N, C-alpha and C. Protein backbone atom coordinates (compact mmCIF):
# COMPACT_ATOMS: atom_id res chain seq x y z
N MET A 1 2.42 -46.96 7.20
CA MET A 1 3.68 -46.59 7.81
C MET A 1 4.50 -47.84 8.09
N LEU A 2 5.77 -47.67 8.13
CA LEU A 2 6.68 -48.76 8.45
C LEU A 2 6.77 -48.92 9.96
N SER A 3 6.79 -50.18 10.39
CA SER A 3 7.05 -50.41 11.81
C SER A 3 8.54 -50.26 12.05
N ARG A 4 8.90 -50.11 13.27
CA ARG A 4 10.31 -49.95 13.61
C ARG A 4 11.11 -51.18 13.19
N ARG A 5 10.52 -52.35 13.40
CA ARG A 5 11.19 -53.60 13.06
C ARG A 5 11.42 -53.69 11.55
N GLU A 6 10.41 -53.27 10.75
CA GLU A 6 10.55 -53.34 9.30
C GLU A 6 11.59 -52.32 8.81
N LEU A 7 11.61 -51.18 9.45
CA LEU A 7 12.57 -50.15 9.06
C LEU A 7 14.00 -50.57 9.35
N ILE A 8 14.23 -51.09 10.55
CA ILE A 8 15.57 -51.51 10.93
C ILE A 8 15.98 -52.77 10.17
N GLY A 9 15.02 -53.67 9.95
CA GLY A 9 15.32 -54.92 9.27
C GLY A 9 15.57 -54.75 7.79
N GLY A 10 15.26 -53.60 7.26
CA GLY A 10 15.53 -53.35 5.84
C GLY A 10 14.56 -54.03 4.91
N ALA A 11 13.32 -54.15 5.28
CA ALA A 11 12.32 -54.79 4.43
C ALA A 11 12.10 -53.96 3.18
N SER A 12 11.95 -54.62 2.05
CA SER A 12 11.70 -53.92 0.80
C SER A 12 10.22 -53.60 0.69
N LEU A 13 9.87 -52.74 -0.27
CA LEU A 13 8.47 -52.36 -0.44
C LEU A 13 7.61 -53.55 -0.83
N THR A 14 8.17 -54.54 -1.52
CA THR A 14 7.37 -55.70 -1.94
C THR A 14 7.07 -56.61 -0.77
N GLN A 15 7.89 -56.59 0.28
CA GLN A 15 7.66 -57.43 1.45
C GLN A 15 6.72 -56.78 2.45
N LEU A 16 6.46 -55.50 2.30
CA LEU A 16 5.62 -54.77 3.25
C LEU A 16 4.16 -54.98 2.94
N LYS A 17 3.34 -54.62 3.88
CA LYS A 17 1.89 -54.65 3.68
C LYS A 17 1.54 -53.65 2.58
N PRO A 18 0.48 -53.88 1.82
CA PRO A 18 0.13 -52.96 0.73
C PRO A 18 -0.07 -51.53 1.19
N GLU A 19 -0.71 -51.35 2.35
CA GLU A 19 -0.94 -49.98 2.82
C GLU A 19 0.37 -49.31 3.24
N ALA A 20 1.31 -50.07 3.75
CA ALA A 20 2.61 -49.50 4.11
C ALA A 20 3.38 -49.10 2.87
N ALA A 21 3.31 -49.92 1.84
CA ALA A 21 4.00 -49.60 0.59
C ALA A 21 3.39 -48.35 -0.05
N ALA A 22 2.06 -48.24 0.00
CA ALA A 22 1.39 -47.05 -0.56
C ALA A 22 1.79 -45.80 0.22
N ALA A 23 1.87 -45.93 1.55
CA ALA A 23 2.26 -44.78 2.38
C ALA A 23 3.69 -44.36 2.06
N GLN A 24 4.57 -45.34 1.84
CA GLN A 24 5.96 -45.02 1.52
C GLN A 24 6.05 -44.29 0.18
N ARG A 25 5.31 -44.75 -0.85
CA ARG A 25 5.31 -44.09 -2.15
C ARG A 25 4.74 -42.68 -2.05
N GLU A 26 3.67 -42.53 -1.27
CA GLU A 26 3.06 -41.21 -1.11
C GLU A 26 4.04 -40.24 -0.45
N GLN A 27 4.80 -40.71 0.48
CA GLN A 27 5.77 -39.86 1.15
C GLN A 27 6.84 -39.38 0.17
N ASP A 28 7.28 -40.23 -0.73
CA ASP A 28 8.28 -39.83 -1.73
C ASP A 28 7.72 -38.75 -2.64
N TYR A 29 6.48 -38.90 -3.08
CA TYR A 29 5.87 -37.91 -3.96
C TYR A 29 5.64 -36.59 -3.23
N THR A 30 5.30 -36.68 -1.96
CA THR A 30 5.05 -35.47 -1.19
C THR A 30 6.30 -34.61 -1.13
N ARG A 31 7.45 -35.22 -0.93
CA ARG A 31 8.71 -34.48 -0.86
C ARG A 31 8.99 -33.78 -2.20
N GLU A 32 8.77 -34.50 -3.30
CA GLU A 32 9.01 -33.92 -4.61
C GLU A 32 8.03 -32.78 -4.90
N LEU A 33 6.77 -33.00 -4.53
CA LEU A 33 5.76 -31.95 -4.76
C LEU A 33 6.04 -30.71 -3.92
N ARG A 34 6.53 -30.90 -2.72
CA ARG A 34 6.90 -29.74 -1.90
C ARG A 34 8.01 -28.94 -2.55
N GLY A 35 8.97 -29.63 -3.14
CA GLY A 35 10.05 -28.94 -3.84
C GLY A 35 9.54 -28.14 -5.01
N ILE A 36 8.62 -28.71 -5.78
CA ILE A 36 8.02 -28.00 -6.91
C ILE A 36 7.22 -26.80 -6.42
N ASN A 37 6.45 -27.01 -5.36
CA ASN A 37 5.63 -25.92 -4.80
C ASN A 37 6.51 -24.78 -4.29
N ASP A 38 7.61 -25.12 -3.63
CA ASP A 38 8.53 -24.08 -3.14
C ASP A 38 9.13 -23.28 -4.30
N ALA A 39 9.47 -23.98 -5.39
CA ALA A 39 10.02 -23.30 -6.56
C ALA A 39 8.99 -22.34 -7.16
N LEU A 40 7.74 -22.78 -7.23
CA LEU A 40 6.68 -21.92 -7.77
C LEU A 40 6.43 -20.72 -6.87
N LEU A 41 6.45 -20.93 -5.56
CA LEU A 41 6.24 -19.82 -4.63
C LEU A 41 7.36 -18.79 -4.71
N SER A 42 8.58 -19.24 -5.01
CA SER A 42 9.68 -18.29 -5.12
C SER A 42 9.52 -17.38 -6.33
N LEU A 43 8.75 -17.83 -7.32
CA LEU A 43 8.52 -17.00 -8.51
C LEU A 43 7.39 -16.00 -8.31
N ARG A 44 6.52 -16.26 -7.34
CA ARG A 44 5.37 -15.39 -7.12
C ARG A 44 5.80 -14.04 -6.59
N ASN A 45 5.11 -13.00 -7.03
CA ASN A 45 5.33 -11.62 -6.58
C ASN A 45 6.74 -11.12 -6.87
N LYS A 46 7.37 -11.70 -7.85
CA LYS A 46 8.69 -11.22 -8.22
C LYS A 46 8.60 -9.82 -8.83
N ALA A 47 7.42 -9.49 -9.37
CA ALA A 47 7.25 -8.20 -10.03
C ALA A 47 7.20 -7.04 -9.04
N ALA A 48 6.89 -7.32 -7.80
CA ALA A 48 6.71 -6.24 -6.83
C ALA A 48 8.05 -5.83 -6.22
N THR A 49 8.73 -4.88 -6.84
CA THR A 49 9.95 -4.32 -6.28
C THR A 49 9.65 -2.89 -5.83
N ARG A 50 10.56 -2.33 -5.09
CA ARG A 50 10.38 -0.94 -4.61
C ARG A 50 10.25 0.02 -5.78
N ASP A 51 11.09 -0.16 -6.81
CA ASP A 51 11.06 0.74 -7.97
C ASP A 51 9.75 0.61 -8.74
N VAL A 52 9.32 -0.63 -8.96
CA VAL A 52 8.07 -0.86 -9.69
C VAL A 52 6.91 -0.24 -8.93
N ASN A 53 6.87 -0.44 -7.62
CA ASN A 53 5.78 0.13 -6.81
C ASN A 53 5.77 1.65 -6.88
N GLU A 54 6.94 2.27 -6.84
CA GLU A 54 7.00 3.73 -6.89
C GLU A 54 6.58 4.26 -8.26
N ILE A 55 6.99 3.59 -9.33
CA ILE A 55 6.57 4.01 -10.68
C ILE A 55 5.06 3.85 -10.82
N ARG A 56 4.54 2.76 -10.32
CA ARG A 56 3.08 2.55 -10.39
C ARG A 56 2.34 3.60 -9.59
N GLU A 57 2.91 4.01 -8.47
CA GLU A 57 2.28 5.07 -7.67
C GLU A 57 2.23 6.38 -8.46
N ARG A 58 3.28 6.70 -9.19
CA ARG A 58 3.29 7.89 -10.04
C ARG A 58 2.22 7.76 -11.14
N GLN A 59 2.10 6.57 -11.70
CA GLN A 59 1.08 6.35 -12.73
C GLN A 59 -0.33 6.51 -12.15
N ARG A 60 -0.56 5.95 -10.96
CA ARG A 60 -1.88 6.06 -10.32
C ARG A 60 -2.23 7.52 -10.03
N HIS A 61 -1.26 8.27 -9.54
CA HIS A 61 -1.50 9.69 -9.24
C HIS A 61 -1.90 10.43 -10.52
N PHE A 62 -1.18 10.21 -11.60
CA PHE A 62 -1.51 10.84 -12.88
C PHE A 62 -2.89 10.38 -13.35
N LEU A 63 -3.19 9.11 -13.18
CA LEU A 63 -4.49 8.56 -13.60
C LEU A 63 -5.64 9.21 -12.84
N ARG A 64 -5.46 9.41 -11.53
CA ARG A 64 -6.53 10.06 -10.74
C ARG A 64 -6.77 11.49 -11.21
N LEU A 65 -5.71 12.19 -11.57
CA LEU A 65 -5.86 13.59 -12.00
C LEU A 65 -6.38 13.72 -13.43
N ASN A 66 -6.00 12.82 -14.32
CA ASN A 66 -6.28 12.99 -15.75
C ASN A 66 -7.17 11.92 -16.38
N GLN A 67 -7.57 10.91 -15.60
CA GLN A 67 -8.41 9.81 -16.08
C GLN A 67 -7.75 9.03 -17.24
N ARG A 68 -6.46 8.99 -17.29
CA ARG A 68 -5.72 8.19 -18.27
C ARG A 68 -4.30 8.01 -17.75
N PHE A 69 -3.62 7.02 -18.30
CA PHE A 69 -2.25 6.75 -17.88
C PHE A 69 -1.30 7.74 -18.53
N PRO A 70 -0.18 8.04 -17.87
CA PRO A 70 0.78 8.98 -18.45
C PRO A 70 1.54 8.33 -19.60
N GLN A 71 2.01 9.17 -20.51
CA GLN A 71 2.84 8.65 -21.59
C GLN A 71 4.25 8.37 -21.10
N CYS A 72 4.77 9.20 -20.20
CA CYS A 72 6.18 9.11 -19.81
C CYS A 72 6.37 9.26 -18.30
N VAL A 73 7.44 8.64 -17.81
CA VAL A 73 7.93 8.84 -16.45
C VAL A 73 9.45 8.92 -16.55
N ASP A 74 10.04 10.00 -16.05
CA ASP A 74 11.49 10.17 -16.08
C ASP A 74 12.12 9.38 -14.94
N VAL A 75 13.30 8.79 -15.23
CA VAL A 75 14.01 8.02 -14.20
C VAL A 75 15.50 8.29 -14.31
N GLY A 76 16.20 8.10 -13.17
CA GLY A 76 17.66 8.19 -13.14
C GLY A 76 18.29 6.88 -13.60
N ILE A 77 19.60 6.89 -13.72
CA ILE A 77 20.32 5.76 -14.31
C ILE A 77 20.21 4.47 -13.49
N ARG A 78 20.24 4.56 -12.17
CA ARG A 78 20.14 3.33 -11.36
C ARG A 78 18.76 2.72 -11.46
N ILE A 79 17.73 3.53 -11.47
CA ILE A 79 16.37 3.04 -11.66
C ILE A 79 16.27 2.38 -13.04
N TRP A 80 16.83 3.03 -14.04
CA TRP A 80 16.83 2.52 -15.42
C TRP A 80 17.45 1.11 -15.45
N GLU A 81 18.61 0.97 -14.83
CA GLU A 81 19.30 -0.32 -14.82
C GLU A 81 18.50 -1.38 -14.07
N ARG A 82 17.92 -1.01 -12.93
CA ARG A 82 17.10 -1.98 -12.18
C ARG A 82 15.85 -2.37 -12.94
N MET A 83 15.30 -1.46 -13.72
CA MET A 83 14.12 -1.80 -14.51
C MET A 83 14.51 -2.71 -15.69
N GLN A 84 15.71 -2.55 -16.23
CA GLN A 84 16.19 -3.51 -17.24
C GLN A 84 16.27 -4.90 -16.61
N ASP A 85 16.85 -4.99 -15.43
CA ASP A 85 16.95 -6.27 -14.73
C ASP A 85 15.57 -6.84 -14.42
N TRP A 86 14.62 -5.97 -14.04
CA TRP A 86 13.26 -6.41 -13.74
C TRP A 86 12.64 -7.08 -14.97
N HIS A 87 12.79 -6.46 -16.13
CA HIS A 87 12.24 -7.05 -17.35
C HIS A 87 12.85 -8.43 -17.62
N ILE A 88 14.16 -8.53 -17.47
CA ILE A 88 14.86 -9.80 -17.72
C ILE A 88 14.44 -10.85 -16.70
N ASP A 89 14.43 -10.49 -15.42
CA ASP A 89 14.08 -11.44 -14.36
C ASP A 89 12.66 -11.97 -14.49
N ASN A 90 11.76 -11.15 -14.98
CA ASN A 90 10.36 -11.54 -15.09
C ASN A 90 9.98 -12.03 -16.48
N GLY A 91 10.95 -12.17 -17.36
CA GLY A 91 10.67 -12.70 -18.68
C GLY A 91 9.82 -11.79 -19.54
N ARG A 92 9.90 -10.49 -19.28
CA ARG A 92 9.14 -9.51 -20.06
C ARG A 92 9.95 -9.05 -21.26
N VAL A 93 9.25 -8.64 -22.29
CA VAL A 93 9.93 -8.11 -23.47
C VAL A 93 10.56 -6.78 -23.08
N LEU A 94 11.84 -6.63 -23.37
CA LEU A 94 12.56 -5.41 -23.05
C LEU A 94 12.71 -4.60 -24.33
N THR A 95 11.96 -3.49 -24.41
CA THR A 95 11.99 -2.64 -25.58
C THR A 95 12.65 -1.32 -25.21
N ILE A 96 13.84 -1.10 -25.75
CA ILE A 96 14.57 0.15 -25.51
C ILE A 96 14.82 0.80 -26.86
N GLN A 97 14.57 2.10 -26.93
CA GLN A 97 14.77 2.83 -28.19
C GLN A 97 15.22 4.24 -27.88
N ARG A 98 15.69 4.90 -28.88
CA ARG A 98 16.14 6.29 -28.73
C ARG A 98 15.06 7.21 -29.26
N ALA A 99 14.69 8.21 -28.49
CA ALA A 99 13.66 9.17 -28.90
C ALA A 99 14.28 10.21 -29.83
N GLY A 100 13.43 10.97 -30.47
CA GLY A 100 13.90 12.02 -31.37
C GLY A 100 14.74 13.07 -30.69
N ASP A 101 14.51 13.29 -29.38
CA ASP A 101 15.30 14.29 -28.66
C ASP A 101 16.61 13.71 -28.10
N GLY A 102 16.89 12.45 -28.38
CA GLY A 102 18.14 11.84 -27.98
C GLY A 102 18.09 11.05 -26.68
N HIS A 103 16.98 11.12 -25.93
CA HIS A 103 16.85 10.38 -24.69
C HIS A 103 16.51 8.92 -24.97
N TRP A 104 17.02 8.04 -24.10
CA TRP A 104 16.68 6.63 -24.19
C TRP A 104 15.33 6.39 -23.54
N GLN A 105 14.53 5.48 -24.14
CA GLN A 105 13.19 5.18 -23.64
C GLN A 105 13.03 3.67 -23.49
N MET A 106 12.28 3.28 -22.46
CA MET A 106 12.00 1.87 -22.21
C MET A 106 10.50 1.71 -21.96
N ASP A 107 9.86 0.82 -22.67
CA ASP A 107 8.44 0.57 -22.44
C ASP A 107 8.26 -0.12 -21.10
N PHE A 108 7.30 0.36 -20.32
CA PHE A 108 6.97 -0.26 -19.04
C PHE A 108 5.46 -0.17 -18.82
N ILE A 109 4.82 -1.29 -18.87
CA ILE A 109 3.38 -1.44 -18.72
C ILE A 109 2.67 -0.48 -19.67
N MET A 110 2.07 0.61 -19.20
CA MET A 110 1.30 1.48 -20.07
C MET A 110 1.97 2.84 -20.27
N SER A 111 3.22 2.94 -19.86
CA SER A 111 3.96 4.19 -19.99
C SER A 111 5.35 3.89 -20.55
N VAL A 112 6.09 4.95 -20.78
CA VAL A 112 7.47 4.84 -21.26
C VAL A 112 8.37 5.46 -20.20
N LEU A 113 9.40 4.72 -19.80
CA LEU A 113 10.39 5.27 -18.88
C LEU A 113 11.44 6.00 -19.72
N VAL A 114 11.76 7.23 -19.33
CA VAL A 114 12.70 8.05 -20.06
C VAL A 114 13.92 8.26 -19.17
N LEU A 115 15.09 7.87 -19.68
CA LEU A 115 16.32 8.04 -18.93
C LEU A 115 16.74 9.50 -18.99
N LYS A 116 16.79 10.13 -17.83
CA LYS A 116 17.20 11.54 -17.73
C LYS A 116 18.45 11.60 -16.87
N LEU A 117 19.56 11.96 -17.48
CA LEU A 117 20.83 12.01 -16.77
C LEU A 117 20.90 13.17 -15.78
N GLU A 118 20.04 14.17 -15.94
CA GLU A 118 20.04 15.28 -15.00
C GLU A 118 19.36 14.94 -13.67
N LEU A 119 18.64 13.81 -13.62
CA LEU A 119 18.04 13.35 -12.36
C LEU A 119 19.11 12.63 -11.52
N LYS A 120 18.89 12.60 -10.21
CA LYS A 120 19.76 11.80 -9.35
C LYS A 120 19.64 10.33 -9.78
N ASP A 121 20.66 9.56 -9.51
CA ASP A 121 20.72 8.17 -9.96
C ASP A 121 19.50 7.35 -9.54
N ASP A 122 19.03 7.53 -8.31
CA ASP A 122 17.91 6.75 -7.78
C ASP A 122 16.59 7.50 -7.77
N GLU A 123 16.46 8.51 -8.59
CA GLU A 123 15.27 9.35 -8.59
C GLU A 123 14.28 8.92 -9.67
N ILE A 124 13.00 8.99 -9.31
CA ILE A 124 11.90 8.78 -10.26
C ILE A 124 11.15 10.11 -10.35
N GLY A 125 11.06 10.65 -11.55
CA GLY A 125 10.40 11.94 -11.76
C GLY A 125 8.89 11.80 -11.77
N ILE A 126 8.23 12.91 -12.02
CA ILE A 126 6.76 12.88 -12.10
C ILE A 126 6.33 12.32 -13.44
N ALA A 127 5.14 11.77 -13.47
CA ALA A 127 4.57 11.25 -14.70
C ALA A 127 4.01 12.42 -15.52
N TYR A 128 4.10 12.31 -16.84
CA TYR A 128 3.62 13.42 -17.70
C TYR A 128 3.31 12.90 -19.10
N ASP A 129 2.65 13.75 -19.88
CA ASP A 129 2.44 13.52 -21.32
C ASP A 129 3.41 14.37 -22.09
N ARG A 130 3.76 13.98 -23.28
CA ARG A 130 4.69 14.75 -24.11
C ARG A 130 4.06 16.01 -24.62
C-alpha cells in the first residue's frame, strides 16, 4: 500500500517499495476484473422471463400427463413478439415458418409455438400434440 506521504508526494511506481508497487498493480487489475465479472453476471439468467417460465410450466404439465413433451403451444401476438426478442437477446437461432394450415410457428426448446390470433394478446394456450 502507498503511504500518505508517497501518495501526496506523487511518487511513481518505480520509486516505491516493490511490495507497494505490486499492491498498486493488483488494485488496477482488481477493478478491471470486477468490471468483467459484473458484465458476465448481467448475462446470467437472461433466459428466465415470465413468458418463458409460463411456457415451460405448460410443457412440464403436458410431460407429467403424457411422459413426453408437447409438439405445440398456442400463444397470442404479444407473447409471440416477446419470444422473438428472447431468441435474439439470448443469441438463439430464431426459426419461424408457416404451417400448412396458415398459422405461423416458432421453434422453442422442444416444442413449437403457434401464433393464434383468436387468443388474447398476452395469453398462452394449453400444450398439445397435432
